[in-house]
Amino acid sequence: MENHLENKKVVLIGPGGIGKDYAKVLLALKTEALAIGRNQERCEVFREQTGLNCKAIDVKEFLESINVKEHYFIVSVNTENLGTII
């Protein structure tokens, strides 16, 4: 199977349950990925459970710190929190 994410940077927004499932796929594909979330403790748990690095940072602040065009994004937050992301 072709890996369309090879040599791409992926940002996973939301280190919750669905984010953990995405992390498994991203790690299996050997994709350069980083998860971001609002809570440091949840990020630490996410990192321990998945092995994927997670940074506690506001989405807007994170987007301002990177070249957005060089990244793909996966949003895995629940509908109640989606409005704070977009």
N, C-alpha and C. Protein backbone atom coordinates (compact mmCIF):
# COMPACT_ATOMS: atom_id res chain seq x y z
N MET A 1 0.84 -1.18 0.00
CA MET A 1 0.00 0.00 0.00
C MET A 1 0.89 1.24 0.00
N GLU A 2 0.53 2.19 -0.82
CA GLU A 2 1.31 3.42 -0.93
C GLU A 2 1.08 4.31 0.28
N ASN A 3 2.14 4.92 0.78
CA ASN A 3 2.05 5.83 1.92
C ASN A 3 2.10 7.26 1.41
N HIS A 4 0.96 7.92 1.34
CA HIS A 4 0.89 9.28 0.83
C HIS A 4 1.38 10.31 1.84
N LEU A 5 1.64 9.87 3.07
CA LEU A 5 2.12 10.79 4.10
C LEU A 5 3.63 10.73 4.27
N GLU A 6 4.29 9.89 3.49
CA GLU A 6 5.73 9.77 3.60
C GLU A 6 6.37 11.13 3.29
N ASN A 7 7.31 11.52 4.13
CA ASN A 7 8.02 12.80 4.02
C ASN A 7 7.10 14.01 4.23
N LYS A 8 6.00 13.82 4.89
CA LYS A 8 5.08 14.91 5.21
C LYS A 8 5.04 15.08 6.72
N LYS A 9 4.79 16.29 7.17
CA LYS A 9 4.62 16.57 8.59
C LYS A 9 3.13 16.60 8.89
N VAL A 10 2.73 15.89 9.92
CA VAL A 10 1.32 15.82 10.29
C VAL A 10 1.15 16.34 11.70
N VAL A 11 0.15 17.20 11.88
CA VAL A 11 -0.21 17.70 13.20
C VAL A 11 -1.57 17.11 13.55
N LEU A 12 -1.61 16.43 14.67
CA LEU A 12 -2.84 15.83 15.17
C LEU A 12 -3.38 16.74 16.27
N ILE A 13 -4.51 17.35 16.02
CA ILE A 13 -5.11 18.26 17.00
C ILE A 13 -6.13 17.49 17.81
N GLY A 14 -5.83 17.29 19.08
CA GLY A 14 -6.74 16.59 19.97
C GLY A 14 -6.19 15.25 20.41
N PRO A 15 -5.55 15.18 21.58
CA PRO A 15 -4.95 13.94 22.06
C PRO A 15 -5.91 13.07 22.87
N GLY A 16 -7.16 13.01 22.47
CA GLY A 16 -8.14 12.18 23.16
C GLY A 16 -8.21 10.78 22.58
N GLY A 17 -9.34 10.13 22.77
CA GLY A 17 -9.51 8.74 22.33
C GLY A 17 -9.33 8.54 20.84
N ILE A 18 -9.97 9.35 20.03
CA ILE A 18 -9.83 9.24 18.58
C ILE A 18 -8.41 9.60 18.17
N GLY A 19 -7.83 10.59 18.83
CA GLY A 19 -6.45 10.98 18.55
C GLY A 19 -5.49 9.82 18.78
N LYS A 20 -5.75 9.02 19.80
CA LYS A 20 -4.90 7.85 20.08
C LYS A 20 -4.98 6.84 18.95
N ASP A 21 -6.17 6.68 18.38
CA ASP A 21 -6.31 5.77 17.24
C ASP A 21 -5.55 6.30 16.03
N TYR A 22 -5.66 7.60 15.76
CA TYR A 22 -4.89 8.20 14.68
C TYR A 22 -3.39 8.04 14.91
N ALA A 23 -2.96 8.20 16.15
CA ALA A 23 -1.54 8.08 16.47
C ALA A 23 -1.00 6.70 16.09
N LYS A 24 -1.78 5.66 16.35
CA LYS A 24 -1.35 4.31 15.99
C LYS A 24 -1.11 4.20 14.49
N VAL A 25 -2.01 4.76 13.72
CA VAL A 25 -1.87 4.71 12.26
C VAL A 25 -0.65 5.52 11.81
N LEU A 26 -0.51 6.72 12.33
CA LEU A 26 0.61 7.58 11.94
C LEU A 26 1.95 6.93 12.29
N LEU A 27 2.03 6.32 13.45
CA LEU A 27 3.27 5.65 13.84
C LEU A 27 3.53 4.43 12.96
N ALA A 28 2.49 3.68 12.63
CA ALA A 28 2.66 2.52 11.76
C ALA A 28 3.13 2.92 10.37
N LEU A 29 2.71 4.10 9.92
CA LEU A 29 3.13 4.61 8.61
C LEU A 29 4.48 5.32 8.67
N LYS A 30 5.06 5.39 9.88
CA LYS A 30 6.35 6.06 10.08
C LYS A 30 6.30 7.51 9.60
N THR A 31 5.21 8.16 9.93
CA THR A 31 4.99 9.55 9.54
C THR A 31 5.54 10.48 10.61
N GLU A 32 6.13 11.58 10.18
CA GLU A 32 6.59 12.60 11.12
C GLU A 32 5.35 13.31 11.65
N ALA A 33 5.03 13.09 12.91
CA ALA A 33 3.78 13.62 13.45
C ALA A 33 3.98 14.19 14.84
N LEU A 34 3.13 15.13 15.17
CA LEU A 34 3.10 15.76 16.48
C LEU A 34 1.64 15.98 16.85
N ALA A 35 1.28 15.64 18.07
CA ALA A 35 -0.06 15.94 18.56
C ALA A 35 0.00 17.23 19.37
N ILE A 36 -1.08 18.00 19.31
CA ILE A 36 -1.18 19.17 20.16
C ILE A 36 -2.50 19.13 20.90
N GLY A 37 -2.48 19.64 22.12
CA GLY A 37 -3.67 19.70 22.94
C GLY A 37 -3.59 20.88 23.89
N ARG A 38 -4.67 21.11 24.61
CA ARG A 38 -4.72 22.26 25.51
C ARG A 38 -4.19 21.97 26.90
N ASN A 39 -4.09 20.70 27.26
CA ASN A 39 -3.81 20.32 28.63
C ASN A 39 -2.51 19.52 28.71
N GLN A 40 -1.56 19.99 29.52
CA GLN A 40 -0.25 19.33 29.65
C GLN A 40 -0.39 17.91 30.19
N GLU A 41 -1.24 17.71 31.17
CA GLU A 41 -1.40 16.38 31.76
C GLU A 41 -1.93 15.38 30.73
N ARG A 42 -2.93 15.81 29.95
CA ARG A 42 -3.47 14.92 28.91
C ARG A 42 -2.43 14.63 27.85
N CYS A 43 -1.61 15.62 27.54
CA CYS A 43 -0.53 15.39 26.57
C CYS A 43 0.46 14.36 27.09
N GLU A 44 0.79 14.43 28.37
CA GLU A 44 1.72 13.47 28.95
C GLU A 44 1.15 12.07 28.91
N VAL A 45 -0.13 11.92 29.26
CA VAL A 45 -0.79 10.61 29.20
C VAL A 45 -0.81 10.10 27.76
N PHE A 46 -1.15 10.98 26.83
CA PHE A 46 -1.18 10.62 25.42
C PHE A 46 0.18 10.10 24.97
N ARG A 47 1.23 10.83 25.32
CA ARG A 47 2.60 10.45 24.95
C ARG A 47 2.97 9.09 25.53
N GLU A 48 2.62 8.87 26.79
CA GLU A 48 2.92 7.60 27.45
C GLU A 48 2.17 6.44 26.79
N GLN A 49 0.92 6.68 26.41
CA GLN A 49 0.09 5.60 25.87
C GLN A 49 0.34 5.32 24.39
N THR A 50 0.81 6.33 23.64
CA THR A 50 0.94 6.15 22.20
C THR A 50 2.38 6.17 21.70
N GLY A 51 3.26 6.85 22.42
CA GLY A 51 4.62 7.02 21.95
C GLY A 51 4.80 8.20 21.01
N LEU A 52 3.70 8.89 20.71
CA LEU A 52 3.76 10.07 19.83
C LEU A 52 3.92 11.32 20.68
N ASN A 53 4.82 12.19 20.30
CA ASN A 53 5.05 13.42 21.05
C ASN A 53 3.80 14.29 21.03
N CYS A 54 3.53 14.96 22.14
CA CYS A 54 2.36 15.82 22.27
C CYS A 54 2.78 17.12 22.97
N LYS A 55 2.33 18.22 22.41
CA LYS A 55 2.68 19.53 22.95
C LYS A 55 1.41 20.23 23.42
N ALA A 56 1.43 20.73 24.65
CA ALA A 56 0.29 21.50 25.19
C ALA A 56 0.45 22.95 24.74
N ILE A 57 -0.40 23.35 23.81
CA ILE A 57 -0.30 24.70 23.25
C ILE A 57 -1.64 25.07 22.62
N ASP A 58 -1.97 26.33 22.64
CA ASP A 58 -3.17 26.83 21.98
C ASP A 58 -3.00 26.66 20.47
N VAL A 59 -4.05 26.25 19.78
CA VAL A 59 -3.97 25.99 18.35
C VAL A 59 -3.51 27.23 17.59
N LYS A 60 -4.10 28.37 17.89
CA LYS A 60 -3.73 29.60 17.19
C LYS A 60 -2.25 29.91 17.39
N GLU A 61 -1.78 29.79 18.61
CA GLU A 61 -0.37 30.04 18.91
C GLU A 61 0.53 29.07 18.14
N PHE A 62 0.13 27.81 18.10
CA PHE A 62 0.92 26.82 17.37
C PHE A 62 0.97 27.15 15.89
N LEU A 63 -0.17 27.48 15.30
CA LEU A 63 -0.23 27.79 13.87
C LEU A 63 0.65 28.98 13.52
N GLU A 64 0.74 29.94 14.44
CA GLU A 64 1.59 31.11 14.21
C GLU A 64 3.07 30.78 14.30
N SER A 65 3.41 29.62 14.89
CA SER A 65 4.81 29.26 15.10
C SER A 65 5.38 28.36 14.00
N ILE A 66 4.54 27.95 13.04
CA ILE A 66 5.00 27.03 11.99
C ILE A 66 4.65 27.58 10.62
N ASN A 67 5.22 26.96 9.60
CA ASN A 67 4.83 27.23 8.22
C ASN A 67 3.69 26.25 7.91
N VAL A 68 2.47 26.73 7.92
CA VAL A 68 1.29 25.89 7.78
C VAL A 68 1.31 25.10 6.47
N LYS A 69 1.86 25.67 5.43
CA LYS A 69 1.87 25.02 4.11
C LYS A 69 2.71 23.74 4.09
N GLU A 70 3.56 23.57 5.08
CA GLU A 70 4.42 22.38 5.14
C GLU A 70 3.80 21.24 5.94
N HIS A 71 2.57 21.40 6.40
CA HIS A 71 1.95 20.42 7.29
C HIS A 71 0.59 19.98 6.78
N TYR A 72 0.23 18.75 7.17
CA TYR A 72 -1.14 18.27 7.06
C TYR A 72 -1.72 18.27 8.47
N PHE A 73 -3.02 18.43 8.57
CA PHE A 73 -3.66 18.49 9.88
C PHE A 73 -4.77 17.47 9.98
N ILE A 74 -4.84 16.83 11.14
CA ILE A 74 -5.96 15.94 11.49
C ILE A 74 -6.59 16.53 12.73
N VAL A 75 -7.87 16.84 12.66
CA VAL A 75 -8.59 17.39 13.80
C VAL A 75 -9.43 16.27 14.41
N SER A 76 -9.12 15.93 15.65
CA SER A 76 -9.82 14.82 16.31
C SER A 76 -10.38 15.27 17.66
N VAL A 77 -11.12 16.37 17.63
CA VAL A 77 -11.78 16.85 18.84
C VAL A 77 -13.27 16.62 18.72
N ASN A 78 -13.95 16.58 19.85
CA ASN A 78 -15.40 16.36 19.80
C ASN A 78 -16.11 17.61 19.32
N THR A 79 -17.36 17.47 18.94
CA THR A 79 -18.10 18.58 18.34
C THR A 79 -18.24 19.76 19.29
N GLU A 80 -18.27 19.51 20.58
CA GLU A 80 -18.41 20.61 21.54
C GLU A 80 -17.19 21.53 21.52
N ASN A 81 -16.03 20.97 21.22
CA ASN A 81 -14.79 21.76 21.21
C ASN A 81 -14.35 22.18 19.81
N LEU A 82 -15.04 21.74 18.80
CA LEU A 82 -14.64 22.04 17.43
C LEU A 82 -14.62 23.53 17.15
N GLY A 83 -15.55 24.27 17.71
CA GLY A 83 -15.61 25.71 17.50
C GLY A 83 -14.39 26.45 18.00
N THR A 84 -13.69 25.88 18.95
CA THR A 84 -12.48 26.54 19.47
C THR A 84 -11.27 26.26 18.57
N ILE A 85 -11.41 25.30 17.66
CA ILE A 85 -10.32 24.92 16.78
C ILE A 85 -10.35 25.69 15.47
N ILE A 86 -11.55 25.84 14.91
CA ILE A 86 -11.65 26.47 13.59
C ILE A 86 -12.16 27.89 13.68
